[in-house]
């Protein structure tokens, strides 16, 4: 009986240690993932900084506050254009406005409405 209690206690301690180790590993993995996300975001911002004028970046920042989904979509398009080398000079505020108008028009045109009778 005493041996069973000791064995049970040892198993509990081993299991607790294993759970603690697993939790530490998960925390380390989460920190690594967060660091990777920060690095990716930093790279995105550096690319955007290199292809946008100051005014265009300010506008993009304001758009991000008002409509984050539009801003993210626009950023992705701009980064894609930059990665395929289709941008030869910095994008101005007016060009950014034009891109945004094109995005919003294409989204409006794709709406489908159903009318019930």
N, C-alpha and C. Protein backbone atom coordinates (compact mmCIF):
# COMPACT_ATOMS: atom_id res chain seq x y z
N UNK A 1 0.81 -1.18 0.00
CA UNK A 1 0.00 0.00 0.00
C UNK A 1 0.87 1.26 0.00
N UNK A 2 1.90 1.28 0.83
CA UNK A 2 2.79 2.42 0.92
C UNK A 2 3.56 2.56 -0.39
N UNK A 3 3.98 1.43 -0.98
CA UNK A 3 4.68 1.45 -2.27
C UNK A 3 3.79 2.00 -3.37
N UNK A 4 2.52 1.63 -3.35
CA UNK A 4 1.58 2.13 -4.34
C UNK A 4 1.43 3.65 -4.23
N UNK A 5 1.38 4.15 -3.00
CA UNK A 5 1.26 5.59 -2.78
C UNK A 5 2.50 6.31 -3.29
N UNK A 6 3.67 5.72 -3.05
CA UNK A 6 4.92 6.33 -3.51
C UNK A 6 4.98 6.36 -5.04
N UNK A 7 4.62 5.24 -5.63
CA UNK A 7 4.63 5.15 -7.10
C UNK A 7 3.64 6.16 -7.71
N UNK A 8 2.47 6.23 -7.10
CA UNK A 8 1.46 7.16 -7.57
C UNK A 8 1.95 8.61 -7.44
N UNK A 9 2.58 8.91 -6.32
CA UNK A 9 3.12 10.25 -6.10
C UNK A 9 4.22 10.56 -7.11
N UNK A 10 5.09 9.59 -7.40
CA UNK A 10 6.17 9.77 -8.39
C UNK A 10 5.59 10.00 -9.79
N UNK A 11 4.55 9.24 -10.12
CA UNK A 11 3.90 9.41 -11.42
C UNK A 11 3.27 10.79 -11.53
N UNK A 12 2.67 11.24 -10.45
CA UNK A 12 2.07 12.57 -10.45
C UNK A 12 3.13 13.66 -10.64
N UNK A 13 4.25 13.50 -9.95
CA UNK A 13 5.33 14.48 -10.08
C UNK A 13 5.89 14.49 -11.49
N UNK A 14 6.08 13.30 -12.08
CA UNK A 14 6.60 13.21 -13.45
C UNK A 14 5.63 13.86 -14.43
N UNK A 15 4.36 13.58 -14.23
CA UNK A 15 3.34 14.14 -15.12
C UNK A 15 3.28 15.66 -14.98
N UNK A 16 3.37 16.17 -13.76
CA UNK A 16 3.36 17.61 -13.54
C UNK A 16 4.58 18.27 -14.19
N UNK A 17 5.74 17.62 -14.06
CA UNK A 17 6.96 18.14 -14.69
C UNK A 17 6.83 18.13 -16.21
N UNK A 18 6.25 17.06 -16.73
CA UNK A 18 6.06 16.97 -18.18
C UNK A 18 5.10 18.05 -18.67
N UNK A 19 4.02 18.28 -17.96
CA UNK A 19 3.07 19.31 -18.33
C UNK A 19 3.72 20.69 -18.28
N UNK A 20 4.55 20.91 -17.27
CA UNK A 20 5.23 22.19 -17.15
C UNK A 20 6.21 22.39 -18.31
N UNK A 21 6.93 21.33 -18.68
CA UNK A 21 7.85 21.41 -19.82
C UNK A 21 7.11 21.68 -21.12
N UNK A 22 5.96 21.01 -21.28
CA UNK A 22 5.15 21.23 -22.48
C UNK A 22 4.66 22.68 -22.55
N UNK A 23 4.27 23.20 -21.41
CA UNK A 23 3.79 24.58 -21.36
C UNK A 23 4.92 25.56 -21.69
N UNK A 24 6.11 25.30 -21.20
CA UNK A 24 7.26 26.15 -21.49
C UNK A 24 7.58 26.10 -22.99
N UNK A 25 7.53 24.90 -23.58
CA UNK A 25 7.79 24.76 -25.01
C UNK A 25 6.75 25.52 -25.83
N UNK A 26 5.49 25.46 -25.41
CA UNK A 26 4.44 26.17 -26.13
C UNK A 26 4.64 27.68 -26.04
N UNK A 27 5.06 28.15 -24.88
CA UNK A 27 5.31 29.58 -24.73
C UNK A 27 6.47 30.03 -25.61
N UNK A 28 7.52 29.20 -25.68
CA UNK A 28 8.67 29.53 -26.53
C UNK A 28 8.26 29.54 -28.00
N UNK A 29 7.45 28.57 -28.40
CA UNK A 29 6.98 28.51 -29.77
C UNK A 29 6.12 29.73 -30.09
N UNK A 30 5.27 30.12 -29.16
CA UNK A 30 4.42 31.30 -29.36
C UNK A 30 5.28 32.55 -29.49
N UNK A 31 6.31 32.68 -28.68
CA UNK A 31 7.21 33.83 -28.77
C UNK A 31 7.92 33.86 -30.12
N UNK A 32 8.34 32.70 -30.61
CA UNK A 32 9.00 32.63 -31.91
C UNK A 32 8.04 33.06 -33.02
N UNK A 33 6.80 32.60 -32.95
CA UNK A 33 5.81 32.96 -33.95
C UNK A 33 5.53 34.46 -33.91
N UNK A 34 5.41 35.02 -32.72
CA UNK A 34 5.17 36.46 -32.59
C UNK A 34 6.35 37.24 -33.17
N UNK A 35 7.56 36.78 -32.93
CA UNK A 35 8.75 37.45 -33.46
C UNK A 35 8.76 37.38 -34.99
N UNK A 36 8.39 36.23 -35.54
CA UNK A 36 8.32 36.09 -37.00
C UNK A 36 7.29 37.06 -37.58
N UNK A 37 6.12 37.16 -36.93
CA UNK A 37 5.09 38.09 -37.40
C UNK A 37 5.58 39.53 -37.34
N UNK A 38 6.30 39.87 -36.27
CA UNK A 38 6.86 41.22 -36.17
C UNK A 38 7.86 41.49 -37.29
N UNK A 39 8.69 40.50 -37.59
CA UNK A 39 9.68 40.67 -38.65
C UNK A 39 8.99 40.83 -40.01
N UNK A 40 7.97 40.04 -40.25
CA UNK A 40 7.23 40.14 -41.52
C UNK A 40 6.59 41.52 -41.64
N UNK A 41 5.96 41.98 -40.56
CA UNK A 41 5.32 43.29 -40.58
C UNK A 41 6.36 44.39 -40.79
N UNK A 42 7.52 44.24 -40.17
CA UNK A 42 8.59 45.22 -40.34
C UNK A 42 9.04 45.26 -41.81
N UNK A 43 9.18 44.08 -42.41
CA UNK A 43 9.58 44.03 -43.83
C UNK A 43 8.51 44.66 -44.71
N UNK A 44 7.25 44.40 -44.41
CA UNK A 44 6.15 45.01 -45.18
C UNK A 44 6.23 46.53 -45.09
N UNK A 45 6.44 47.04 -43.88
CA UNK A 45 6.50 48.48 -43.69
C UNK A 45 7.70 49.08 -44.42
N UNK A 46 8.81 48.37 -44.45
CA UNK A 46 10.00 48.87 -45.15
C UNK A 46 9.74 48.93 -46.66
N UNK A 47 9.08 47.92 -47.20
CA UNK A 47 8.76 47.92 -48.63
C UNK A 47 7.81 49.07 -48.93
N UNK A 48 6.78 49.23 -48.12
CA UNK A 48 5.82 50.32 -48.33
C UNK A 48 6.51 51.68 -48.22
N UNK A 49 7.43 51.80 -47.29
CA UNK A 49 8.15 53.07 -47.12
C UNK A 49 8.98 53.38 -48.35
N UNK A 50 9.50 52.34 -48.98
CA UNK A 50 10.34 52.57 -50.15
C UNK A 50 9.55 52.87 -51.42
N UNK A 51 8.26 52.50 -51.46
CA UNK A 51 7.49 52.70 -52.70
C UNK A 51 6.43 53.79 -52.59
N UNK A 52 6.21 54.34 -51.38
CA UNK A 52 5.19 55.37 -51.20
C UNK A 52 5.83 56.69 -50.78
N UNK A 53 5.24 57.77 -51.25
CA UNK A 53 5.68 59.08 -50.76
C UNK A 53 5.15 59.26 -49.34
N UNK A 54 5.65 60.28 -48.66
CA UNK A 54 5.21 60.52 -47.28
C UNK A 54 3.71 60.76 -47.20
N UNK A 55 3.19 61.54 -48.14
CA UNK A 55 1.74 61.83 -48.14
C UNK A 55 0.93 60.56 -48.36
N UNK A 56 1.39 59.71 -49.26
CA UNK A 56 0.67 58.47 -49.54
C UNK A 56 0.70 57.55 -48.32
N UNK A 57 1.83 57.51 -47.63
CA UNK A 57 1.91 56.69 -46.42
C UNK A 57 0.98 57.22 -45.33
N UNK A 58 0.88 58.53 -45.21
CA UNK A 58 -0.04 59.11 -44.24
C UNK A 58 -1.48 58.73 -44.57
N UNK A 59 -1.83 58.82 -45.85
CA UNK A 59 -3.18 58.46 -46.26
C UNK A 59 -3.45 56.98 -45.97
N UNK A 60 -2.49 56.15 -46.28
CA UNK A 60 -2.65 54.71 -46.02
C UNK A 60 -2.83 54.46 -44.52
N UNK A 61 -2.13 55.21 -43.70
CA UNK A 61 -2.30 55.08 -42.25
C UNK A 61 -3.70 55.47 -41.80
N UNK A 62 -4.23 56.54 -42.39
CA UNK A 62 -5.60 56.96 -42.05
C UNK A 62 -6.62 55.93 -42.54
N UNK A 63 -6.36 55.38 -43.71
CA UNK A 63 -7.27 54.34 -44.23
C UNK A 63 -7.24 53.13 -43.30
N UNK A 64 -6.06 52.81 -42.81
CA UNK A 64 -5.92 51.66 -41.92
C UNK A 64 -6.73 51.85 -40.64
N UNK A 65 -6.82 53.07 -40.16
CA UNK A 65 -7.62 53.34 -38.97
C UNK A 65 -9.11 53.20 -39.26
N UNK A 66 -9.53 53.69 -40.42
CA UNK A 66 -10.95 53.69 -40.75
C UNK A 66 -11.43 52.33 -41.27
N UNK A 67 -10.67 51.77 -42.20
CA UNK A 67 -11.07 50.50 -42.83
C UNK A 67 -9.84 49.60 -42.96
N UNK A 68 -9.53 48.86 -41.92
CA UNK A 68 -8.32 48.03 -41.93
C UNK A 68 -8.28 47.00 -43.06
N UNK A 69 -9.46 46.47 -43.43
CA UNK A 69 -9.48 45.45 -44.49
C UNK A 69 -9.09 46.05 -45.84
N UNK A 70 -9.53 47.27 -46.13
CA UNK A 70 -9.12 47.95 -47.36
C UNK A 70 -7.63 48.24 -47.35
N UNK A 71 -7.15 48.71 -46.21
CA UNK A 71 -5.73 49.05 -46.10
C UNK A 71 -4.86 47.82 -46.31
N UNK A 72 -5.23 46.72 -45.71
CA UNK A 72 -4.46 45.48 -45.87
C UNK A 72 -4.47 45.02 -47.31
N UNK A 73 -5.63 45.07 -47.93
CA UNK A 73 -5.75 44.68 -49.33
C UNK A 73 -4.90 45.58 -50.22
N UNK A 74 -4.97 46.87 -49.97
CA UNK A 74 -4.19 47.83 -50.74
C UNK A 74 -2.69 47.62 -50.53
N UNK A 75 -2.29 47.40 -49.28
CA UNK A 75 -0.88 47.12 -48.99
C UNK A 75 -0.41 45.88 -49.74
N UNK A 76 -1.23 44.83 -49.72
CA UNK A 76 -0.86 43.60 -50.42
C UNK A 76 -0.67 43.84 -51.91
N UNK A 77 -1.57 44.62 -52.50
CA UNK A 77 -1.45 44.94 -53.92
C UNK A 77 -0.18 45.72 -54.20
N UNK A 78 0.11 46.70 -53.36
CA UNK A 78 1.30 47.51 -53.56
C UNK A 78 2.57 46.68 -53.42
N UNK A 79 2.60 45.81 -52.43
CA UNK A 79 3.78 44.96 -52.22
C UNK A 79 3.94 44.00 -53.39
N UNK A 80 2.83 43.49 -53.91
CA UNK A 80 2.90 42.60 -55.05
C UNK A 80 3.43 43.34 -56.28
N UNK A 81 2.96 44.56 -56.50
CA UNK A 81 3.46 45.36 -57.61
C UNK A 81 4.96 45.63 -57.46
N UNK A 82 5.38 45.90 -56.24
CA UNK A 82 6.80 46.16 -56.00
C UNK A 82 7.63 44.91 -56.20
N UNK A 83 7.12 43.77 -55.79
CA UNK A 83 7.89 42.52 -55.92
C UNK A 83 8.02 42.08 -57.37
N UNK A 84 7.03 42.44 -58.20
CA UNK A 84 7.12 42.09 -59.62
C UNK A 84 7.78 43.21 -60.43
N UNK A 85 8.27 44.23 -59.73
CA UNK A 85 8.99 45.35 -60.33
C UNK A 85 8.15 46.13 -61.34
N UNK A 86 6.86 46.26 -61.06
CA UNK A 86 5.98 47.04 -61.93
C UNK A 86 5.92 48.50 -61.49
N UNK A 87 6.56 48.81 -60.38
CA UNK A 87 6.59 50.19 -59.89
C UNK A 87 7.97 50.75 -60.17
N UNK A 88 8.00 51.83 -60.97
CA UNK A 88 9.29 52.40 -61.34
C UNK A 88 9.68 53.59 -60.46
N UNK A 89 8.68 54.25 -59.88
CA UNK A 89 8.94 55.39 -59.00
C UNK A 89 7.96 55.35 -57.83
N UNK A 90 8.20 56.19 -56.85
CA UNK A 90 7.32 56.20 -55.67
C UNK A 90 5.89 56.57 -56.04
N UNK A 91 4.96 55.91 -55.39
CA UNK A 91 3.55 56.17 -55.63
C UNK A 91 3.14 57.41 -54.83
N UNK A 92 2.50 58.33 -55.52
CA UNK A 92 2.07 59.57 -54.88
C UNK A 92 0.71 59.39 -54.23
N UNK A 93 0.29 60.42 -53.52
CA UNK A 93 -1.01 60.41 -52.87
C UNK A 93 -2.14 60.28 -53.90
N UNK A 94 -2.01 60.99 -55.00
CA UNK A 94 -3.04 60.93 -56.05
C UNK A 94 -3.13 59.54 -56.66
N UNK A 95 -2.00 58.91 -56.89
CA UNK A 95 -2.01 57.55 -57.44
C UNK A 95 -2.63 56.57 -56.44
N UNK A 96 -2.35 56.78 -55.17
CA UNK A 96 -2.92 55.93 -54.15
C UNK A 96 -4.44 56.09 -54.10
N UNK A 97 -4.91 57.33 -54.22
CA UNK A 97 -6.35 57.58 -54.27
C UNK A 97 -6.98 56.83 -55.44
N UNK A 98 -6.31 56.89 -56.57
CA UNK A 98 -6.81 56.22 -57.77
C UNK A 98 -6.90 54.71 -57.56
N UNK A 99 -5.87 54.14 -56.97
CA UNK A 99 -5.89 52.69 -56.69
C UNK A 99 -7.02 52.34 -55.74
N UNK A 100 -7.22 53.16 -54.74
CA UNK A 100 -8.28 52.92 -53.78
C UNK A 100 -9.66 53.02 -54.44
N UNK A 101 -9.82 53.99 -55.32
CA UNK A 101 -11.09 54.12 -56.04
C UNK A 101 -11.35 52.88 -56.90
N UNK A 102 -10.32 52.40 -57.56
CA UNK A 102 -10.47 51.20 -58.39
C UNK A 102 -10.87 50.01 -57.53
N UNK A 103 -10.27 49.90 -56.35
CA UNK A 103 -10.61 48.79 -55.45
C UNK A 103 -12.06 48.87 -55.00
N UNK A 104 -12.48 50.05 -54.59
CA UNK A 104 -13.84 50.18 -54.07
C UNK A 104 -14.88 50.01 -55.18
N UNK A 105 -14.57 50.47 -56.40
CA UNK A 105 -15.51 50.29 -57.50
C UNK A 105 -15.64 48.83 -57.87
N UNK A 106 -14.55 48.11 -57.90
CA UNK A 106 -14.62 46.69 -58.26
C UNK A 106 -15.37 45.91 -57.20
N UNK A 107 -15.27 46.31 -55.94
CA UNK A 107 -16.01 45.62 -54.89
C UNK A 107 -17.49 45.94 -54.97
N UNK A 108 -17.84 47.16 -55.34
CA UNK A 108 -19.24 47.54 -55.47
C UNK A 108 -19.89 46.81 -56.64
N UNK A 109 -19.15 46.65 -57.71
CA UNK A 109 -19.71 46.02 -58.90
C UNK A 109 -19.97 44.54 -58.70
N UNK A 110 -19.26 43.92 -57.78
CA UNK A 110 -19.41 42.49 -57.61
C UNK A 110 -20.52 42.09 -56.64
N UNK A 111 -21.32 43.05 -56.18
CA UNK A 111 -22.41 42.73 -55.27
C UNK A 111 -23.55 42.06 -56.04
N UNK A 112 -24.12 41.08 -55.41
CA UNK A 112 -25.28 40.40 -55.98
C UNK A 112 -26.43 40.56 -55.00
N UNK A 113 -27.56 41.04 -55.51
CA UNK A 113 -28.71 41.21 -54.63
C UNK A 113 -29.85 40.32 -55.12
N UNK A 114 -30.57 39.79 -54.18
CA UNK A 114 -31.72 38.97 -54.50
C UNK A 114 -32.97 39.69 -54.03
N UNK A 115 -33.97 39.72 -54.91
CA UNK A 115 -35.23 40.33 -54.55
C UNK A 115 -36.27 39.23 -54.44
N UNK A 116 -36.92 39.20 -53.32
CA UNK A 116 -37.95 38.18 -53.11
C UNK A 116 -39.30 38.75 -53.49
N UNK A 117 -40.12 37.90 -54.02
CA UNK A 117 -41.46 38.34 -54.44
C UNK A 117 -42.50 37.89 -53.48
